[in-house]
Amino acid sequence: MMKASRLSGALFAAVLLCAVSAFADNTVKKSLQINETVTVGAVQLAPGSYRVEWNEPGPNVEVKIMQKGETVATLPAHMVQENASNEQDGYGTKPGLSGDKYQRLSELFFHGEKYDLQLDQGSQGDNAGTSGTAGMVK
């Protein structure tokens, strides 16, 4: 009788462990160094070190940009597959909206990954051929 009790307890623990791992956190965490003041929505990000987080799977994700453990901006993004792995971390910018003197953060890319995160900050002010890469160039 004691063996049956231990066996059922071990079986219950194994099932519980499998259930917990099925709901495991799929959060991707990356570091980002911003070298100039850029905007994300209405927020200005000063030059410095940031952490970028989002949940997999894509292709549509919500990106959190964090500094010193605090979320400073959250925005939707689209994961775009690339043919080759990115050679370094970096970001791209587009001109700011009318009257804004800072560039808008438009994309993020990370060393060793075969995708870019295209940030969705609305289509206002987007013009063909105006996107540029700042920070680290691919």
C-alpha atoms as a PDB file:
ATOM      1  CA  MET A   1       0.000   0.000   0.000  1.00  0.00           C
ATOM      2  CA  MET A   2       2.852   2.400   0.822  1.00  0.00           C
ATOM      3  CA  LYS A   3       4.522   1.788  -2.564  1.00  0.00           C
ATOM      4  CA  ALA A   4       1.274   2.606  -4.386  1.00  0.00           C
ATOM      5  CA  SER A   5       0.972   5.857  -2.448  1.00  0.00           C
ATOM      6  CA  ARG A   6       4.543   6.867  -3.290  1.00  0.00           C
ATOM      7  CA  LEU A   7       4.091   5.883  -6.918  1.00  0.00           C
ATOM      8  CA  SER A   8       0.909   7.916  -7.280  1.00  0.00           C
ATOM      9  CA  GLY A   9       2.618  10.873  -5.564  1.00  0.00           C
ATOM     10  CA  ALA A  10       5.576  10.662  -7.937  1.00  0.00           C
ATOM     11  CA  LEU A  11       3.228  10.376 -10.907  1.00  0.00           C
ATOM     12  CA  PHE A  12       1.273  13.434  -9.748  1.00  0.00           C
ATOM     13  CA  ALA A  13       4.512  15.419  -9.350  1.00  0.00           C
ATOM     14  CA  ALA A  14       5.654  14.430 -12.854  1.00  0.00           C
ATOM     15  CA  VAL A  15       2.301  15.461 -14.370  1.00  0.00           C
ATOM     16  CA  LEU A  16       2.411  18.778 -12.517  1.00  0.00           C
ATOM     17  CA  LEU A  17       5.967  19.440 -13.685  1.00  0.00           C
ATOM     18  CA  CYS A  18       4.958  18.785 -17.307  1.00  0.00           C
ATOM     19  CA  ALA A  19       1.950  21.103 -16.971  1.00  0.00           C
ATOM     20  CA  VAL A  20       4.086  23.916 -15.553  1.00  0.00           C
ATOM     21  CA  SER A  21       6.700  23.585 -18.295  1.00  0.00           C
ATOM     22  CA  ALA A  22       3.948  23.690 -20.937  1.00  0.00           C
ATOM     23  CA  PHE A  23       3.094  27.187 -19.713  1.00  0.00           C
ATOM     24  CA  ALA A  24       6.726  28.265 -19.409  1.00  0.00           C
ATOM     25  CA  ASP A  25       7.584  31.847 -20.165  1.00  0.00           C
ATOM     26  CA  ASN A  26       8.652  32.333 -23.801  1.00  0.00           C
ATOM     27  CA  THR A  27       9.949  35.843 -23.221  1.00  0.00           C
ATOM     28  CA  VAL A  28      12.863  36.905 -25.419  1.00  0.00           C
ATOM     29  CA  LYS A  29      15.233  39.340 -23.711  1.00  0.00           C
ATOM     30  CA  LYS A  30      17.856  41.291 -25.647  1.00  0.00           C
ATOM     31  CA  SER A  31      20.182  44.189 -24.897  1.00  0.00           C
ATOM     32  CA  LEU A  32      20.180  47.355 -26.969  1.00  0.00           C
ATOM     33  CA  GLN A  33      22.605  50.273 -26.955  1.00  0.00           C
ATOM     34  CA  ILE A  34      21.057  53.502 -28.281  1.00  0.00           C
ATOM     35  CA  ASN A  35      23.618  56.089 -29.385  1.00  0.00           C
ATOM     36  CA  GLU A  36      21.356  59.093 -29.981  1.00  0.00           C
ATOM     37  CA  THR A  37      18.072  60.470 -28.685  1.00  0.00           C
ATOM     38  CA  VAL A  38      15.206  58.737 -30.523  1.00  0.00           C
ATOM     39  CA  THR A  39      11.454  58.694 -30.059  1.00  0.00           C
ATOM     40  CA  VAL A  40       9.139  55.773 -29.459  1.00  0.00           C
ATOM     41  CA  GLY A  41       5.594  57.074 -29.653  1.00  0.00           C
ATOM     42  CA  ALA A  42       5.499  60.119 -27.388  1.00  0.00           C
ATOM     43  CA  VAL A  43       8.519  58.938 -25.371  1.00  0.00           C
ATOM     44  CA  GLN A  44      12.057  60.176 -25.953  1.00  0.00           C
ATOM     45  CA  LEU A  45      14.771  57.602 -25.325  1.00  0.00           C
ATOM     46  CA  ALA A  46      18.085  59.159 -24.353  1.00  0.00           C
ATOM     47  CA  PRO A  47      21.344  57.524 -25.391  1.00  0.00           C
ATOM     48  CA  GLY A  48      22.103  54.566 -23.160  1.00  0.00           C
ATOM     49  CA  SER A  49      21.651  50.879 -22.485  1.00  0.00           C
ATOM     50  CA  TYR A  50      18.192  49.322 -22.716  1.00  0.00           C
ATOM     51  CA  ARG A  51      16.644  45.884 -22.440  1.00  0.00           C
ATOM     52  CA  VAL A  52      14.121  44.823 -25.075  1.00  0.00           C
ATOM     53  CA  GLU A  53      11.579  42.077 -24.305  1.00  0.00           C
ATOM     54  CA  TRP A  54       8.787  40.347 -26.199  1.00  0.00           C
ATOM     55  CA  ASN A  55       6.962  37.026 -26.120  1.00  0.00           C
ATOM     56  CA  GLU A  56       7.332  34.429 -28.847  1.00  0.00           C
ATOM     57  CA  PRO A  57       6.006  33.236 -31.171  1.00  0.00           C
ATOM     58  CA  GLY A  58       5.651  35.974 -33.779  1.00  0.00           C
ATOM     59  CA  PRO A  59       5.206  37.326 -36.265  1.00  0.00           C
ATOM     60  CA  ASN A  60       3.219  40.020 -34.426  1.00  0.00           C
ATOM     61  CA  VAL A  61       4.597  40.816 -30.982  1.00  0.00           C
ATOM     62  CA  GLU A  62       4.397  43.520 -28.337  1.00  0.00           C
ATOM     63  CA  VAL A  63       7.827  44.930 -27.555  1.00  0.00           C
ATOM     64  CA  LYS A  64       8.739  46.380 -24.169  1.00  0.00           C
ATOM     65  CA  ILE A  65      11.732  48.687 -23.988  1.00  0.00           C
ATOM     66  CA  MET A  66      13.123  48.802 -20.478  1.00  0.00           C
ATOM     67  CA  GLN A  67      15.814  50.744 -18.660  1.00  0.00           C
ATOM     68  CA  LYS A  68      17.005  50.005 -15.133  1.00  0.00           C
ATOM     69  CA  GLY A  69      14.172  47.485 -14.682  1.00  0.00           C
ATOM     70  CA  GLU A  70      11.419  49.953 -15.598  1.00  0.00           C
ATOM     71  CA  THR A  71       9.351  49.768 -18.787  1.00  0.00           C
ATOM     72  CA  VAL A  72       9.841  53.063 -20.626  1.00  0.00           C
ATOM     73  CA  ALA A  73       7.938  52.210 -23.832  1.00  0.00           C
ATOM     74  CA  THR A  74       5.677  49.478 -25.196  1.00  0.00           C
ATOM     75  CA  LEU A  75       4.696  49.161 -28.840  1.00  0.00           C
ATOM     76  CA  PRO A  76       3.624  46.561 -31.407  1.00  0.00           C
ATOM     77  CA  ALA A  77       6.170  45.086 -33.799  1.00  0.00           C
ATOM     78  CA  HIS A  78       6.324  42.624 -36.657  1.00  0.00           C
ATOM     79  CA  MET A  79       9.066  40.006 -36.900  1.00  0.00           C
ATOM     80  CA  VAL A  80      10.523  39.955 -40.422  1.00  0.00           C
ATOM     81  CA  GLN A  81      12.591  36.896 -41.359  1.00  0.00           C
ATOM     82  CA  GLU A  82      16.029  37.490 -42.874  1.00  0.00           C
ATOM     83  CA  ASN A  83      18.047  35.112 -45.086  1.00  0.00           C
ATOM     84  CA  ALA A  84      21.226  35.485 -43.049  1.00  0.00           C
ATOM     85  CA  SER A  85      21.965  36.006 -39.381  1.00  0.00           C
ATOM     86  CA  ASN A  86      22.511  39.578 -38.242  1.00  0.00           C
ATOM     87  CA  GLU A  87      26.187  40.280 -37.669  1.00  0.00           C
ATOM     88  CA  GLN A  88      25.596  42.644 -34.738  1.00  0.00           C
ATOM     89  CA  ASP A  89      22.986  44.339 -32.585  1.00  0.00           C
ATOM     90  CA  GLY A  90      21.528  47.603 -33.803  1.00  0.00           C
ATOM     91  CA  TYR A  91      18.522  49.683 -34.695  1.00  0.00           C
ATOM     92  CA  GLY A  92      17.080  51.681 -37.546  1.00  0.00           C
ATOM     93  CA  THR A  93      15.409  55.079 -37.513  1.00  0.00           C
ATOM     94  CA  LYS A  94      13.062  57.143 -39.650  1.00  0.00           C
ATOM     95  CA  PRO A  95      12.520  60.893 -39.655  1.00  0.00           C
ATOM     96  CA  GLY A  96      10.408  62.157 -36.792  1.00  0.00           C
ATOM     97  CA  LEU A  97       6.863  63.300 -37.300  1.00  0.00           C
ATOM     98  CA  SER A  98       6.384  66.890 -38.398  1.00  0.00           C
ATOM     99  CA  GLY A  99       7.818  69.215 -35.814  1.00  0.00           C
ATOM    100  CA  ASP A 100       9.773  66.473 -34.018  1.00  0.00           C
ATOM    101  CA  LYS A 101      13.518  67.081 -34.073  1.00  0.00           C
ATOM    102  CA  TYR A 102      14.409  63.472 -33.130  1.00  0.00           C
ATOM    103  CA  GLN A 103      14.394  60.364 -35.312  1.00  0.00           C
ATOM    104  CA  ARG A 104      11.789  57.643 -34.654  1.00  0.00           C
ATOM    105  CA  LEU A 105      12.970  54.160 -33.753  1.00  0.00           C
ATOM    106  CA  SER A 106      11.780  51.966 -36.651  1.00  0.00           C
ATOM    107  CA  GLU A 107      13.516  48.599 -36.381  1.00  0.00           C
ATOM    108  CA  LEU A 108      15.652  46.467 -34.098  1.00  0.00           C
ATOM    109  CA  PHE A 109      18.037  43.663 -35.014  1.00  0.00           C
ATOM    110  CA  PHE A 110      20.180  41.392 -32.896  1.00  0.00           C
ATOM    111  CA  HIS A 111      23.453  39.511 -33.406  1.00  0.00           C
ATOM    112  CA  GLY A 112      23.009  35.922 -34.542  1.00  0.00           C
ATOM    113  CA  GLU A 113      19.258  36.212 -35.172  1.00  0.00           C
ATOM    114  CA  LYS A 114      17.623  35.720 -38.566  1.00  0.00           C
ATOM    115  CA  TYR A 115      14.894  38.296 -38.040  1.00  0.00           C
ATOM    116  CA  ASP A 116      14.381  42.020 -37.593  1.00  0.00           C
ATOM    117  CA  LEU A 117      11.691  43.628 -35.463  1.00  0.00           C
ATOM    118  CA  GLN A 118       9.859  46.247 -37.524  1.00  0.00           C
ATOM    119  CA  LEU A 119       8.356  48.642 -34.972  1.00  0.00           C
ATOM    120  CA  ASP A 120       4.844  49.902 -35.606  1.00  0.00           C
ATOM    121  CA  GLN A 121       4.639  53.568 -34.700  1.00  0.00           C
ATOM    122  CA  GLY A 122       1.878  54.359 -37.178  1.00  0.00           C
ATOM    123  CA  SER A 123       2.210  55.371 -40.791  1.00  0.00           C
ATOM    124  CA  GLN A 124       2.161  59.136 -40.253  1.00  0.00           C
ATOM    125  CA  GLY A 125       5.220  60.709 -41.739  1.00  0.00           C
ATOM    126  CA  ASP A 126       6.481  57.514 -43.396  1.00  0.00           C
ATOM    127  CA  ASN A 127       7.868  58.142 -46.861  1.00  0.00           C
ATOM    128  CA  ALA A 128       9.476  55.645 -49.177  1.00  0.00           C
ATOM    129  CA  GLY A 129      13.236  55.879 -49.066  1.00  0.00           C
ATOM    130  CA  THR A 130      13.468  57.732 -45.761  1.00  0.00           C
ATOM    131  CA  SER A 131      14.413  54.862 -43.549  1.00  0.00           C
ATOM    132  CA  GLY A 132      17.979  54.770 -42.426  1.00  0.00           C
ATOM    133  CA  THR A 133      20.033  52.663 -40.115  1.00  0.00           C
ATOM    134  CA  ALA A 134      21.580  54.238 -37.084  1.00  0.00           C
ATOM    135  CA  GLY A 135      23.605  52.817 -34.293  1.00  0.00           C
ATOM    136  CA  MET A 136      25.106  49.592 -35.547  1.00  0.00           C
ATOM    137  CA  VAL A 137      24.760  48.906 -39.270  1.00  0.00           C
ATOM    138  CA  LYS A 138      24.013  45.377 -40.422  1.00  0.00           C
END
